[in-house]
Amino acid sequence: MALSRLTDQRAIVIEVPMVEDRATLVGELADAGIHAVLHQPPHRIDVKGLRERDGLSQEEFALWYGLDVGTVRNWEQGRSEPDSASRAMLWMITVNPVAVQAALDRDVPAGA
């Protein structure tokens, strides 16, 4: 039923973890009548601003989202950049932190 509804709305999201040739995949989907759009989270995500928006310390943010606190520090201080999987998660935290918390099976704090 959900798939039918999404198909009727012409909005289906499919995550493909690895593709050797994106152009070939897009072409094959087009041949099947499917318009494919690549979603890329922004290259730069303000991790400190995101964390502070939610009122969390670095330690709390890391613990809440299953991250290493040293990694969070390095991102915030510009010593390293999040990889593509981390950027995708950080983007989801940016747009819908409650959904990410629910997906991680966390109790959502009051007011979030």
PDB file of N, CA and C in Angstrom:
ATOM      1  N   MET A   1       0.816  -1.190   0.000  1.00  0.00           N
ATOM      2  CA  MET A   1       0.000   0.000   0.000  1.00  0.00           C
ATOM      3  C   MET A   1       0.865   1.262   0.000  1.00  0.00           C
ATOM      4  N   ALA A   2       1.887   1.305   0.851  1.00  0.00           N
ATOM      5  CA  ALA A   2       2.753   2.481   0.907  1.00  0.00           C
ATOM      6  C   ALA A   2       3.489   2.660  -0.415  1.00  0.00           C
ATOM      7  N   LEU A   3       3.964   1.562  -0.997  1.00  0.00           N
ATOM      8  CA  LEU A   3       4.663   1.655  -2.270  1.00  0.00           C
ATOM      9  C   LEU A   3       3.725   2.167  -3.361  1.00  0.00           C
ATOM     10  N   SER A   4       2.482   1.700  -3.358  1.00  0.00           N
ATOM     11  CA  SER A   4       1.505   2.180  -4.340  1.00  0.00           C
ATOM     12  C   SER A   4       1.273   3.671  -4.185  1.00  0.00           C
ATOM     13  N   ARG A   5       1.159   4.129  -2.934  1.00  0.00           N
ATOM     14  CA  ARG A   5       0.925   5.556  -2.680  1.00  0.00           C
ATOM     15  C   ARG A   5       2.117   6.386  -3.169  1.00  0.00           C
ATOM     16  N   LEU A   6       3.327   5.917  -2.874  1.00  0.00           N
ATOM     17  CA  LEU A   6       4.515   6.642  -3.326  1.00  0.00           C
ATOM     18  C   LEU A   6       4.606   6.641  -4.846  1.00  0.00           C
ATOM     19  N   THR A   7       4.267   5.512  -5.449  1.00  0.00           N
ATOM     20  CA  THR A   7       4.286   5.434  -6.901  1.00  0.00           C
ATOM     21  C   THR A   7       3.271   6.398  -7.500  1.00  0.00           C
ATOM     22  N   ASP A   8       2.079   6.459  -6.919  1.00  0.00           N
ATOM     23  CA  ASP A   8       1.056   7.386  -7.392  1.00  0.00           C
ATOM     24  C   ASP A   8       1.534   8.835  -7.275  1.00  0.00           C
ATOM     25  N   GLN A   9       2.273   9.122  -6.222  1.00  0.00           N
ATOM     26  CA  GLN A   9       2.798  10.474  -6.010  1.00  0.00           C
ATOM     27  C   GLN A   9       4.073  10.702  -6.807  1.00  0.00           C
ATOM     28  N   ARG A  10       4.575   9.639  -7.418  1.00  0.00           N
ATOM     29  CA  ARG A  10       5.793   9.690  -8.221  1.00  0.00           C
ATOM     30  C   ARG A  10       6.989  10.152  -7.394  1.00  0.00           C
ATOM     31  N   ALA A  11       7.060   9.666  -6.154  1.00  0.00           N
ATOM     32  CA  ALA A  11       8.154  10.043  -5.276  1.00  0.00           C
ATOM     33  C   ALA A  11       8.637   8.823  -4.517  1.00  0.00           C
ATOM     34  N   ILE A  12       9.676   8.222  -5.010  1.00  0.00           N
ATOM     35  CA  ILE A  12      10.260   7.073  -4.336  1.00  0.00           C
ATOM     36  C   ILE A  12      11.736   7.364  -4.136  1.00  0.00           C
ATOM     37  N   VAL A  13      12.202   7.086  -2.952  1.00  0.00           N
ATOM     38  CA  VAL A  13      13.611   7.266  -2.650  1.00  0.00           C
ATOM     39  C   VAL A  13      14.233   5.896  -2.510  1.00  0.00           C
ATOM     40  N   ILE A  14      15.288   5.669  -3.263  1.00  0.00           N
ATOM     41  CA  ILE A  14      16.011   4.415  -3.192  1.00  0.00           C
ATOM     42  C   ILE A  14      17.459   4.745  -2.896  1.00  0.00           C
ATOM     43  N   GLU A  15      17.983   4.135  -1.866  1.00  0.00           N
ATOM     44  CA  GLU A  15      19.383   4.345  -1.529  1.00  0.00           C
ATOM     45  C   GLU A  15      20.199   3.243  -2.179  1.00  0.00           C
ATOM     46  N   VAL A  16      21.151   3.655  -2.997  1.00  0.00           N
ATOM     47  CA  VAL A  16      22.054   2.722  -3.647  1.00  0.00           C
ATOM     48  C   VAL A  16      23.436   2.983  -3.053  1.00  0.00           C
ATOM     49  N   PRO A  17      23.933   2.045  -2.243  1.00  0.00           N
ATOM     50  CA  PRO A  17      25.167   2.315  -1.510  1.00  0.00           C
ATOM     51  C   PRO A  17      26.403   2.488  -2.376  1.00  0.00           C
ATOM     52  N   MET A  18      26.473   1.785  -3.514  1.00  0.00           N
ATOM     53  CA  MET A  18      27.660   1.908  -4.339  1.00  0.00           C
ATOM     54  C   MET A  18      27.290   1.625  -5.784  1.00  0.00           C
ATOM     55  N   VAL A  19      27.708   2.491  -6.650  1.00  0.00           N
ATOM     56  CA  VAL A  19      27.453   2.332  -8.073  1.00  0.00           C
ATOM     57  C   VAL A  19      28.765   2.581  -8.803  1.00  0.00           C
ATOM     58  N   GLU A  20      29.138   1.644  -9.674  1.00  0.00           N
ATOM     59  CA  GLU A  20      30.383   1.823 -10.419  1.00  0.00           C
ATOM     60  C   GLU A  20      30.249   2.896 -11.486  1.00  0.00           C
ATOM     61  N   ASP A  21      29.088   2.958 -12.141  1.00  0.00           N
ATOM     62  CA  ASP A  21      28.887   3.922 -13.209  1.00  0.00           C
ATOM     63  C   ASP A  21      27.504   4.554 -13.063  1.00  0.00           C
ATOM     64  N   ARG A  22      27.472   5.718 -12.457  1.00  0.00           N
ATOM     65  CA  ARG A  22      26.207   6.390 -12.191  1.00  0.00           C
ATOM     66  C   ARG A  22      25.451   6.697 -13.480  1.00  0.00           C
ATOM     67  N   ALA A  23      26.157   7.113 -14.524  1.00  0.00           N
ATOM     68  CA  ALA A  23      25.506   7.446 -15.788  1.00  0.00           C
ATOM     69  C   ALA A  23      24.776   6.234 -16.369  1.00  0.00           C
ATOM     70  N   THR A  24      25.389   5.058 -16.257  1.00  0.00           N
ATOM     71  CA  THR A  24      24.742   3.844 -16.757  1.00  0.00           C
ATOM     72  C   THR A  24      23.478   3.552 -15.958  1.00  0.00           C
ATOM     73  N   LEU A  25      23.560   3.666 -14.634  1.00  0.00           N
ATOM     74  CA  LEU A  25      22.385   3.427 -13.794  1.00  0.00           C
ATOM     75  C   LEU A  25      21.261   4.400 -14.138  1.00  0.00           C
ATOM     76  N   VAL A  26      21.587   5.678 -14.252  1.00  0.00           N
ATOM     77  CA  VAL A  26      20.582   6.684 -14.572  1.00  0.00           C
ATOM     78  C   VAL A  26      19.970   6.389 -15.942  1.00  0.00           C
ATOM     79  N   GLY A  27      20.790   5.988 -16.892  1.00  0.00           N
ATOM     80  CA  GLY A  27      20.301   5.649 -18.225  1.00  0.00           C
ATOM     81  C   GLY A  27      19.371   4.448 -18.206  1.00  0.00           C
ATOM     82  N   GLU A  28      19.740   3.411 -17.459  1.00  0.00           N
ATOM     83  CA  GLU A  28      18.897   2.218 -17.371  1.00  0.00           C
ATOM     84  C   GLU A  28      17.569   2.538 -16.686  1.00  0.00           C
ATOM     85  N   LEU A  29      17.620   3.381 -15.665  1.00  0.00           N
ATOM     86  CA  LEU A  29      16.376   3.784 -15.007  1.00  0.00           C
ATOM     87  C   LEU A  29      15.517   4.610 -15.956  1.00  0.00           C
ATOM     88  N   ALA A  30      16.135   5.486 -16.734  1.00  0.00           N
ATOM     89  CA  ALA A  30      15.393   6.297 -17.708  1.00  0.00           C
ATOM     90  C   ALA A  30      14.722   5.404 -18.741  1.00  0.00           C
ATOM     91  N   ASP A  31      15.420   4.355 -19.178  1.00  0.00           N
ATOM     92  CA  ASP A  31      14.835   3.408 -20.131  1.00  0.00           C
ATOM     93  C   ASP A  31      13.594   2.735 -19.551  1.00  0.00           C
ATOM     94  N   ALA A  32      13.559   2.616 -18.229  1.00  0.00           N
ATOM     95  CA  ALA A  32      12.405   2.008 -17.551  1.00  0.00           C
ATOM     96  C   ALA A  32      11.345   3.051 -17.196  1.00  0.00           C
ATOM     97  N   GLY A  33      11.566   4.297 -17.629  1.00  0.00           N
ATOM     98  CA  GLY A  33      10.592   5.355 -17.361  1.00  0.00           C
ATOM     99  C   GLY A  33      10.740   5.996 -15.995  1.00  0.00           C
ATOM    100  N   ILE A  34      11.905   5.834 -15.397  1.00  0.00           N
ATOM    101  CA  ILE A  34      12.140   6.378 -14.056  1.00  0.00           C
ATOM    102  C   ILE A  34      13.137   7.520 -14.153  1.00  0.00           C
ATOM    103  N   HIS A  35      12.741   8.682 -13.652  1.00  0.00           N
ATOM    104  CA  HIS A  35      13.629   9.841 -13.603  1.00  0.00           C
ATOM    105  C   HIS A  35      14.419   9.783 -12.297  1.00  0.00           C
ATOM    106  N   ALA A  36      15.715   9.636 -12.409  1.00  0.00           N
ATOM    107  CA  ALA A  36      16.566   9.509 -11.218  1.00  0.00           C
ATOM    108  C   ALA A  36      17.276  10.832 -10.934  1.00  0.00           C
ATOM    109  N   VAL A  37      17.315  11.188  -9.667  1.00  0.00           N
ATOM    110  CA  VAL A  37      18.001  12.398  -9.221  1.00  0.00           C
ATOM    111  C   VAL A  37      18.946  12.005  -8.105  1.00  0.00           C
ATOM    112  N   LEU A  38      20.176  12.418  -8.222  1.00  0.00           N
ATOM    113  CA  LEU A  38      21.164  12.139  -7.189  1.00  0.00           C
ATOM    114  C   LEU A  38      21.039  13.161  -6.076  1.00  0.00           C
ATOM    115  N   HIS A  39      20.907  12.669  -4.854  1.00  0.00           N
ATOM    116  CA  HIS A  39      20.872  13.582  -3.706  1.00  0.00           C
ATOM    117  C   HIS A  39      22.232  13.565  -3.045  1.00  0.00           C
ATOM    118  N   GLN A  40      22.808  14.722  -2.906  1.00  0.00           N
ATOM    119  CA  GLN A  40      24.065  14.879  -2.201  1.00  0.00           C
ATOM    120  C   GLN A  40      23.853  15.872  -1.076  1.00  0.00           C
ATOM    121  N   PRO A  41      24.154  15.461   0.161  1.00  0.00           N
ATOM    122  CA  PRO A  41      24.073  16.463   1.229  1.00  0.00           C
ATOM    123  C   PRO A  41      25.123  17.543   0.985  1.00  0.00           C
ATOM    124  N   PRO A  42      24.929  18.714   1.550  1.00  0.00           N
ATOM    125  CA  PRO A  42      25.921  19.775   1.363  1.00  0.00           C
ATOM    126  C   PRO A  42      27.308  19.302   1.766  1.00  0.00           C
ATOM    127  N   HIS A  43      28.313  19.789   1.047  1.00  0.00           N
ATOM    128  CA  HIS A  43      29.680  19.364   1.354  1.00  0.00           C
ATOM    129  C   HIS A  43      30.112  19.833   2.742  1.00  0.00           C
ATOM    130  N   ARG A  44      29.703  21.031   3.104  1.00  0.00           N
ATOM    131  CA  ARG A  44      30.068  21.574   4.421  1.00  0.00           C
ATOM    132  C   ARG A  44      28.820  21.640   5.294  1.00  0.00           C
ATOM    133  N   ILE A  45      28.909  21.018   6.435  1.00  0.00           N
ATOM    134  CA  ILE A  45      27.828  21.099   7.414  1.00  0.00           C
ATOM    135  C   ILE A  45      28.434  21.697   8.676  1.00  0.00           C
ATOM    136  N   ASP A  46      27.795  22.713   9.203  1.00  0.00           N
ATOM    137  CA  ASP A  46      28.270  23.383  10.406  1.00  0.00           C
ATOM    138  C   ASP A  46      27.920  22.520  11.627  1.00  0.00           C
ATOM    139  N   VAL A  47      28.820  21.605  11.945  1.00  0.00           N
ATOM    140  CA  VAL A  47      28.553  20.652  13.026  1.00  0.00           C
ATOM    141  C   VAL A  47      28.402  21.382  14.359  1.00  0.00           C
ATOM    142  N   LYS A  48      29.259  22.359  14.613  1.00  0.00           N
ATOM    143  CA  LYS A  48      29.167  23.104  15.868  1.00  0.00           C
ATOM    144  C   LYS A  48      27.835  23.846  15.964  1.00  0.00           C
ATOM    145  N   GLY A  49      27.442  24.501  14.879  1.00  0.00           N
ATOM    146  CA  GLY A  49      26.162  25.208  14.872  1.00  0.00           C
ATOM    147  C   GLY A  49      24.991  24.259  15.059  1.00  0.00           C
ATOM    148  N   LEU A  50      25.071  23.101  14.428  1.00  0.00           N
ATOM    149  CA  LEU A  50      24.033  22.088  14.564  1.00  0.00           C
ATOM    150  C   LEU A  50      23.941  21.602  16.000  1.00  0.00           C
ATOM    151  N   ARG A  51      25.095  21.308  16.578  1.00  0.00           N
ATOM    152  CA  ARG A  51      25.145  20.824  17.965  1.00  0.00           C
ATOM    153  C   ARG A  51      24.623  21.888  18.926  1.00  0.00           C
ATOM    154  N   GLU A  52      25.064  23.122  18.737  1.00  0.00           N
ATOM    155  CA  GLU A  52      24.635  24.204  19.617  1.00  0.00           C
ATOM    156  C   GLU A  52      23.148  24.520  19.449  1.00  0.00           C
ATOM    157  N   ARG A  53      22.634  24.366  18.224  1.00  0.00           N
ATOM    158  CA  ARG A  53      21.198  24.566  17.986  1.00  0.00           C
ATOM    159  C   ARG A  53      20.371  23.667  18.897  1.00  0.00           C
ATOM    160  N   ASP A  54      20.859  22.453  19.094  1.00  0.00           N
ATOM    161  CA  ASP A  54      20.150  21.483  19.923  1.00  0.00           C
ATOM    162  C   ASP A  54      20.564  21.542  21.387  1.00  0.00           C
ATOM    163  N   GLY A  55      21.448  22.500  21.733  1.00  0.00           N
ATOM    164  CA  GLY A  55      21.841  22.694  23.122  1.00  0.00           C
ATOM    165  C   GLY A  55      22.658  21.549  23.699  1.00  0.00           C
ATOM    166  N   LEU A  56      23.485  20.916  22.871  1.00  0.00           N
ATOM    167  CA  LEU A  56      24.260  19.764  23.329  1.00  0.00           C
ATOM    168  C   LEU A  56      25.742  20.089  23.381  1.00  0.00           C
ATOM    169  N   SER A  57      26.426  19.530  24.363  1.00  0.00           N
ATOM    170  CA  SER A  57      27.880  19.612  24.401  1.00  0.00           C
ATOM    171  C   SER A  57      28.429  18.663  23.335  1.00  0.00           C
ATOM    172  N   GLN A  58      29.716  18.752  23.059  1.00  0.00           N
ATOM    173  CA  GLN A  58      30.317  17.817  22.105  1.00  0.00           C
ATOM    174  C   GLN A  58      30.126  16.380  22.573  1.00  0.00           C
ATOM    175  N   GLU A  59      30.325  16.154  23.857  1.00  0.00           N
ATOM    176  CA  GLU A  59      30.181  14.806  24.409  1.00  0.00           C
ATOM    177  C   GLU A  59      28.748  14.299  24.276  1.00  0.00           C
ATOM    178  N   GLU A  60      27.783  15.169  24.585  1.00  0.00           N
ATOM    179  CA  GLU A  60      26.371  14.784  24.480  1.00  0.00           C
ATOM    180  C   GLU A  60      25.978  14.492  23.034  1.00  0.00           C
ATOM    181  N   PHE A  61      26.419  15.358  22.117  1.00  0.00           N
ATOM    182  CA  PHE A  61      26.108  15.175  20.702  1.00  0.00           C
ATOM    183  C   PHE A  61      26.680  13.849  20.211  1.00  0.00           C
ATOM    184  N   ALA A  62      27.931  13.582  20.551  1.00  0.00           N
ATOM    185  CA  ALA A  62      28.573  12.335  20.139  1.00  0.00           C
ATOM    186  C   ALA A  62      27.837  11.128  20.705  1.00  0.00           C
ATOM    187  N   LEU A  63      27.528  11.173  21.966  1.00  0.00           N
ATOM    188  CA  LEU A  63      26.839  10.056  22.609  1.00  0.00           C
ATOM    189  C   LEU A  63      25.438   9.872  22.028  1.00  0.00           C
ATOM    190  N   TRP A  64      24.725  10.981  21.827  1.00  0.00           N
ATOM    191  CA  TRP A  64      23.345  10.923  21.339  1.00  0.00           C
ATOM    192  C   TRP A  64      23.253  10.274  19.961  1.00  0.00           C
ATOM    193  N   TYR A  65      24.234  10.581  19.102  1.00  0.00           N
ATOM    194  CA  TYR A  65      24.171  10.096  17.724  1.00  0.00           C
ATOM    195  C   TYR A  65      25.169   8.979  17.421  1.00  0.00           C
ATOM    196  N   GLY A  66      25.786   8.422  18.444  1.00  0.00           N
ATOM    197  CA  GLY A  66      26.685   7.287  18.242  1.00  0.00           C
ATOM    198  C   GLY A  66      27.978   7.643  17.539  1.00  0.00           C
ATOM    199  N   LEU A  67      28.486   8.830  17.828  1.00  0.00           N
ATOM    200  CA  LEU A  67      29.717   9.297  17.206  1.00  0.00           C
ATOM    201  C   LEU A  67      30.845   9.309  18.231  1.00  0.00           C
ATOM    202  N   ASP A  68      32.053   9.336  17.736  1.00  0.00           N
ATOM    203  CA  ASP A  68      33.216   9.468  18.607  1.00  0.00           C
ATOM    204  C   ASP A  68      33.409  10.953  18.920  1.00  0.00           C
ATOM    205  N   VAL A  69      33.563  11.288  20.186  1.00  0.00           N
ATOM    206  CA  VAL A  69      33.678  12.702  20.567  1.00  0.00           C
ATOM    207  C   VAL A  69      34.912  13.335  19.922  1.00  0.00           C
ATOM    208  N   GLY A  70      35.984  12.579  19.771  1.00  0.00           N
ATOM    209  CA  GLY A  70      37.177  13.108  19.101  1.00  0.00           C
ATOM    210  C   GLY A  70      36.900  13.461  17.648  1.00  0.00           C
ATOM    211  N   THR A  71      36.077  12.666  17.010  1.00  0.00           N
ATOM    212  CA  THR A  71      35.700  12.935  15.622  1.00  0.00           C
ATOM    213  C   THR A  71      34.883  14.219  15.543  1.00  0.00           C
ATOM    214  N   VAL A  72      33.947  14.385  16.462  1.00  0.00           N
ATOM    215  CA  VAL A  72      33.141  15.611  16.496  1.00  0.00           C
ATOM    216  C   VAL A  72      34.051  16.817  16.703  1.00  0.00           C
ATOM    217  N   ARG A  73      34.985  16.715  17.626  1.00  0.00           N
ATOM    218  CA  ARG A  73      35.939  17.824  17.865  1.00  0.00           C
ATOM    219  C   ARG A  73      36.734  18.141  16.598  1.00  0.00           C
ATOM    220  N   ASN A  74      37.217  17.092  15.938  1.00  0.00           N
ATOM    221  CA  ASN A  74      38.012  17.306  14.726  1.00  0.00           C
ATOM    222  C   ASN A  74      37.188  17.977  13.631  1.00  0.00           C
ATOM    223  N   TRP A  75      35.925  17.576  13.474  1.00  0.00           N
ATOM    224  CA  TRP A  75      35.066  18.220  12.487  1.00  0.00           C
ATOM    225  C   TRP A  75      34.883  19.693  12.817  1.00  0.00           C
ATOM    226  N   GLU A  76      34.599  19.980  14.097  1.00  0.00           N
ATOM    227  CA  GLU A  76      34.332  21.359  14.501  1.00  0.00           C
ATOM    228  C   GLU A  76      35.566  22.244  14.375  1.00  0.00           C
ATOM    229  N   GLN A  77      36.729  21.679  14.602  1.00  0.00           N
ATOM    230  CA  GLN A  77      37.963  22.470  14.558  1.00  0.00           C
ATOM    231  C   GLN A  77      38.626  22.440  13.188  1.00  0.00           C
ATOM    232  N   GLY A  78      37.972  21.807  12.214  1.00  0.00           N
ATOM    233  CA  GLY A  78      38.471  21.803  10.854  1.00  0.00           C
ATOM    234  C   GLY A  78      39.655  20.890  10.600  1.00  0.00           C
ATOM    235  N   ARG A  79      39.953  20.004  11.534  1.00  0.00           N
ATOM    236  CA  ARG A  79      41.083  19.078  11.345  1.00  0.00           C
ATOM    237  C   ARG A  79      40.727  17.928  10.421  1.00  0.00           C
ATOM    238  N   SER A  80      39.419  17.651  10.294  1.00  0.00           N
ATOM    239  CA  SER A  80      38.956  16.629   9.359  1.00  0.00           C
ATOM    240  C   SER A  80      37.544  16.991   8.916  1.00  0.00           C
ATOM    241  N   GLU A  81      37.102  16.329   7.868  1.00  0.00           N
ATOM    242  CA  GLU A  81      35.762  16.548   7.321  1.00  0.00           C
ATOM    243  C   GLU A  81      34.971  15.250   7.436  1.00  0.00           C
ATOM    244  N   PRO A  82      33.675  15.330   7.661  1.00  0.00           N
ATOM    245  CA  PRO A  82      32.848  14.116   7.682  1.00  0.00           C
ATOM    246  C   PRO A  82      32.881  13.423   6.314  1.00  0.00           C
ATOM    247  N   ASP A  83      32.937  12.096   6.330  1.00  0.00           N
ATOM    248  CA  ASP A  83      32.848  11.350   5.072  1.00  0.00           C
ATOM    249  C   ASP A  83      31.413  11.431   4.561  1.00  0.00           C
ATOM    250  N   SER A  84      31.150  10.839   3.404  1.00  0.00           N
ATOM    251  CA  SER A  84      29.821  10.999   2.795  1.00  0.00           C
ATOM    252  C   SER A  84      28.707  10.401   3.654  1.00  0.00           C
ATOM    253  N   ALA A  85      28.956   9.269   4.300  1.00  0.00           N
ATOM    254  CA  ALA A  85      27.920   8.668   5.156  1.00  0.00           C
ATOM    255  C   ALA A  85      27.641   9.562   6.365  1.00  0.00           C
ATOM    256  N   SER A  86      28.688  10.109   6.951  1.00  0.00           N
ATOM    257  CA  SER A  86      28.522  11.006   8.100  1.00  0.00           C
ATOM    258  C   SER A  86      27.813  12.288   7.681  1.00  0.00           C
ATOM    259  N   ARG A  87      28.170  12.818   6.495  1.00  0.00           N
ATOM    260  CA  ARG A  87      27.491  14.029   6.004  1.00  0.00           C
ATOM    261  C   ARG A  87      26.006  13.767   5.808  1.00  0.00           C
ATOM    262  N   ALA A  88      25.670  12.587   5.295  1.00  0.00           N
ATOM    263  CA  ALA A  88      24.258  12.258   5.098  1.00  0.00           C
ATOM    264  C   ALA A  88      23.534  12.235   6.444  1.00  0.00           C
ATOM    265  N   MET A  89      24.156  11.619   7.449  1.00  0.00           N
ATOM    266  CA  MET A  89      23.521  11.573   8.767  1.00  0.00           C
ATOM    267  C   MET A  89      23.423  12.979   9.373  1.00  0.00           C
ATOM    268  N   LEU A  90      24.486  13.763   9.253  1.00  0.00           N
ATOM    269  CA  LEU A  90      24.460  15.128   9.785  1.00  0.00           C
ATOM    270  C   LEU A  90      23.393  15.962   9.075  1.00  0.00           C
ATOM    271  N   TRP A  91      23.213  15.741   7.782  1.00  0.00           N
ATOM    272  CA  TRP A  91      22.174  16.465   7.052  1.00  0.00           C
ATOM    273  C   TRP A  91      20.802  16.082   7.572  1.00  0.00           C
ATOM    274  N   MET A  92      20.592  14.785   7.814  1.00  0.00           N
ATOM    275  CA  MET A  92      19.310  14.345   8.355  1.00  0.00           C
ATOM    276  C   MET A  92      19.082  14.921   9.755  1.00  0.00           C
ATOM    277  N   ILE A  93      20.140  15.003  10.555  1.00  0.00           N
ATOM    278  CA  ILE A  93      20.024  15.622  11.876  1.00  0.00           C
ATOM    279  C   ILE A  93      19.645  17.093  11.707  1.00  0.00           C
ATOM    280  N   THR A  94      20.193  17.733  10.677  1.00  0.00           N
ATOM    281  CA  THR A  94      19.893  19.140  10.419  1.00  0.00           C
ATOM    282  C   THR A  94      18.421  19.339  10.095  1.00  0.00           C
ATOM    283  N   VAL A  95      17.873  18.507   9.196  1.00  0.00           N
ATOM    284  CA  VAL A  95      16.503  18.727   8.747  1.00  0.00           C
ATOM    285  C   VAL A  95      15.449  18.051   9.609  1.00  0.00           C
ATOM    286  N   ASN A  96      15.802  16.941  10.273  1.00  0.00           N
ATOM    287  CA  ASN A  96      14.786  16.242  11.059  1.00  0.00           C
ATOM    288  C   ASN A  96      15.440  15.442  12.192  1.00  0.00           C
ATOM    289  N   PRO A  97      15.913  16.130  13.220  1.00  0.00           N
ATOM    290  CA  PRO A  97      16.591  15.424  14.307  1.00  0.00           C
ATOM    291  C   PRO A  97      15.693  14.421  15.026  1.00  0.00           C
ATOM    292  N   VAL A  98      14.410  14.708  15.099  1.00  0.00           N
ATOM    293  CA  VAL A  98      13.485  13.803  15.785  1.00  0.00           C
ATOM    294  C   VAL A  98      13.424  12.463  15.046  1.00  0.00           C
ATOM    295  N   ALA A  99      13.399  12.515  13.711  1.00  0.00           N
ATOM    296  CA  ALA A  99      13.359  11.269  12.931  1.00  0.00           C
ATOM    297  C   ALA A  99      14.640  10.467  13.125  1.00  0.00           C
ATOM    298  N   VAL A 100      15.781  11.151  13.180  1.00  0.00           N
ATOM    299  CA  VAL A 100      17.049  10.444  13.389  1.00  0.00           C
ATOM    300  C   VAL A 100      17.064   9.823  14.779  1.00  0.00           C
ATOM    301  N   GLN A 101      16.622  10.575  15.766  1.00  0.00           N
ATOM    302  CA  GLN A 101      16.570  10.043  17.125  1.00  0.00           C
ATOM    303  C   GLN A 101      15.629   8.845  17.199  1.00  0.00           C
ATOM    304  N   ALA A 102      14.494   8.932  16.521  1.00  0.00           N
ATOM    305  CA  ALA A 102      13.553   7.815  16.513  1.00  0.00           C
ATOM    306  C   ALA A 102      14.173   6.604  15.817  1.00  0.00           C
ATOM    307  N   ALA A 103      14.877   6.845  14.708  1.00  0.00           N
ATOM    308  CA  ALA A 103      15.515   5.747  13.980  1.00  0.00           C
ATOM    309  C   ALA A 103      16.599   5.088  14.831  1.00  0.00           C
ATOM    310  N   LEU A 104      17.240   5.875  15.672  1.00  0.00           N
ATOM    311  CA  LEU A 104      18.259   5.343  16.566  1.00  0.00           C
ATOM    312  C   LEU A 104      17.655   4.803  17.844  1.00  0.00           C
ATOM    313  N   ASP A 105      16.304   4.812  17.915  1.00  0.00           N
ATOM    314  CA  ASP A 105      15.559   4.297  19.052  1.00  0.00           C
ATOM    315  C   ASP A 105      15.905   5.035  20.340  1.00  0.00           C
ATOM    316  N   ARG A 106      15.909   6.370  20.232  1.00  0.00           N
ATOM    317  CA  ARG A 106      16.191   7.219  21.386  1.00  0.00           C
ATOM    318  C   ARG A 106      14.888   7.858  21.850  1.00  0.00           C
ATOM    319  N   ASP A 107      14.810   8.156  23.103  1.00  0.00           N
ATOM    320  CA  ASP A 107      13.696   8.955  23.605  1.00  0.00           C
ATOM    321  C   ASP A 107      13.958  10.390  23.146  1.00  0.00           C
ATOM    322  N   VAL A 108      12.974  11.000  22.559  1.00  0.00           N
ATOM    323  CA  VAL A 108      13.111  12.367  22.060  1.00  0.00           C
ATOM    324  C   VAL A 108      12.926  13.324  23.217  1.00  0.00           C
ATOM    325  N   PRO A 109      13.903  14.236  23.446  1.00  0.00           N
ATOM    326  CA  PRO A 109      13.775  15.187  24.550  1.00  0.00           C
ATOM    327  C   PRO A 109      12.576  16.110  24.362  1.00  0.00           C
ATOM    328  N   ALA A 110      11.997  16.522  25.450  1.00  0.00           N
ATOM    329  CA  ALA A 110      10.860  17.458  25.411  1.00  0.00           C
ATOM    330  C   ALA A 110      11.290  18.727  24.704  1.00  0.00           C
ATOM    331  N   GLY A 111      10.420  19.225  23.845  1.00  0.00           N
ATOM    332  CA  GLY A 111      10.705  20.469  23.124  1.00  0.00           C
ATOM    333  C   GLY A 111      11.474  20.274  21.844  1.00  0.00           C
ATOM    334  N   ALA A 112      11.921  19.054  21.546  1.00  0.00           N
ATOM    335  CA  ALA A 112      12.689  18.837  20.320  1.00  0.00           C
ATOM    336  C   ALA A 112      11.761  18.715  19.130  1.00  0.00           C
TER     337      ALA A 112
END
